[in-house]
Amino acid sequence: MYSSSSSIVYCLLICSKDER
């Protein structure tokens, strides 16, 4: 049972690392 917010936060973390 994952919340939508969790998915967004995870994406942000990955995107942030990718941007670097």
PDB file of N, CA and C in Angstrom:
ATOM      1  N   MET A   1       0.841  -1.198   0.000  1.00  0.00           N
ATOM      2  CA  MET A   1       0.000   0.000   0.000  1.00  0.00           C
ATOM      3  C   MET A   1       0.883   1.259   0.000  1.00  0.00           C
ATOM      4  N   TYR A   2       1.225   1.702  -1.196  1.00  0.00           N
ATOM      5  CA  TYR A   2       2.075   2.899  -1.314  1.00  0.00           C
ATOM      6  C   TYR A   2       1.237   4.131  -1.642  1.00  0.00           C
ATOM      7  N   SER A   3       1.607   5.242  -1.065  1.00  0.00           N
ATOM      8  CA  SER A   3       0.844   6.476  -1.327  1.00  0.00           C
ATOM      9  C   SER A   3       1.365   7.184  -2.577  1.00  0.00           C
ATOM     10  N   SER A   4       0.515   7.912  -3.225  1.00  0.00           N
ATOM     11  CA  SER A   4       0.938   8.623  -4.450  1.00  0.00           C
ATOM     12  C   SER A   4       2.111   9.546  -4.126  1.00  0.00           C
ATOM     13  N   SER A   5       2.036  10.173  -2.980  1.00  0.00           N
ATOM     14  CA  SER A   5       3.113  11.100  -2.582  1.00  0.00           C
ATOM     15  C   SER A   5       4.452  10.369  -2.582  1.00  0.00           C
ATOM     16  N   SER A   6       4.442   9.151  -2.094  1.00  0.00           N
ATOM     17  CA  SER A   6       5.694   8.372  -2.037  1.00  0.00           C
ATOM     18  C   SER A   6       6.299   8.262  -3.434  1.00  0.00           C
ATOM     19  N   SER A   7       5.464   7.974  -4.398  1.00  0.00           N
ATOM     20  CA  SER A   7       5.956   7.830  -5.784  1.00  0.00           C
ATOM     21  C   SER A   7       6.579   9.136  -6.260  1.00  0.00           C
ATOM     22  N   ILE A   8       5.932  10.234  -5.961  1.00  0.00           N
ATOM     23  CA  ILE A   8       6.446  11.544  -6.395  1.00  0.00           C
ATOM     24  C   ILE A   8       7.785  11.828  -5.725  1.00  0.00           C
ATOM     25  N   VAL A   9       7.853  11.564  -4.429  1.00  0.00           N
ATOM     26  CA  VAL A   9       9.099  11.821  -3.685  1.00  0.00           C
ATOM     27  C   VAL A   9      10.221  10.974  -4.265  1.00  0.00           C
ATOM     28  N   TYR A  10       9.921   9.718  -4.534  1.00  0.00           N
ATOM     29  CA  TYR A  10      10.940   8.815  -5.093  1.00  0.00           C
ATOM     30  C   TYR A  10      11.435   9.342  -6.435  1.00  0.00           C
ATOM     31  N   CYS A  11      10.514   9.761  -7.264  1.00  0.00           N
ATOM     32  CA  CYS A  11      10.881  10.287  -8.596  1.00  0.00           C
ATOM     33  C   CYS A  11      11.767  11.520  -8.429  1.00  0.00           C
ATOM     34  N   LEU A  12      11.387  12.376  -7.490  1.00  0.00           N
ATOM     35  CA  LEU A  12      12.181  13.596  -7.265  1.00  0.00           C
ATOM     36  C   LEU A  12      13.603  13.234  -6.869  1.00  0.00           C
ATOM     37  N   LEU A  13      13.735  12.254  -5.993  1.00  0.00           N
ATOM     38  CA  LEU A  13      15.071  11.831  -5.536  1.00  0.00           C
ATOM     39  C   LEU A  13      15.892  11.332  -6.715  1.00  0.00           C
ATOM     40  N   ILE A  14      15.287  10.505  -7.538  1.00  0.00           N
ATOM     41  CA  ILE A  14      15.997   9.944  -8.700  1.00  0.00           C
ATOM     42  C   ILE A  14      16.331  11.068  -9.690  1.00  0.00           C
ATOM     43  N   CYS A  15      15.341  11.911  -9.970  1.00  0.00           N
ATOM     44  CA  CYS A  15      15.567  13.012 -10.929  1.00  0.00           C
ATOM     45  C   CYS A  15      16.704  13.901 -10.427  1.00  0.00           C
ATOM     46  N   SER A  16      16.695  14.197  -9.154  1.00  0.00           N
ATOM     47  CA  SER A  16      17.732  15.065  -8.579  1.00  0.00           C
ATOM     48  C   SER A  16      19.110  14.438  -8.788  1.00  0.00           C
ATOM     49  N   LYS A  17      19.209  13.158  -8.532  1.00  0.00           N
ATOM     50  CA  LYS A  17      20.514  12.482  -8.709  1.00  0.00           C
ATOM     51  C   LYS A  17      20.890  12.469 -10.186  1.00  0.00           C
ATOM     52  N   ASP A  18      19.900  12.230 -11.036  1.00  0.00           N
ATOM     53  CA  ASP A  18      20.170  12.172 -12.488  1.00  0.00           C
ATOM     54  C   ASP A  18      20.630  13.548 -12.979  1.00  0.00           C
ATOM     55  N   GLU A  19      19.978  14.577 -12.479  1.00  0.00           N
ATOM     56  CA  GLU A  19      20.333  15.947 -12.917  1.00  0.00           C
ATOM     57  C   GLU A  19      21.810  16.204 -12.656  1.00  0.00           C
ATOM     58  N   ARG A  20      22.282  15.688 -11.516  1.00  0.00           N
ATOM     59  CA  ARG A  20      23.683  15.908 -11.154  1.00  0.00           C
ATOM     60  C   ARG A  20      24.504  15.232 -12.244  1.00  0.00           C
TER      61      ARG A  20
END
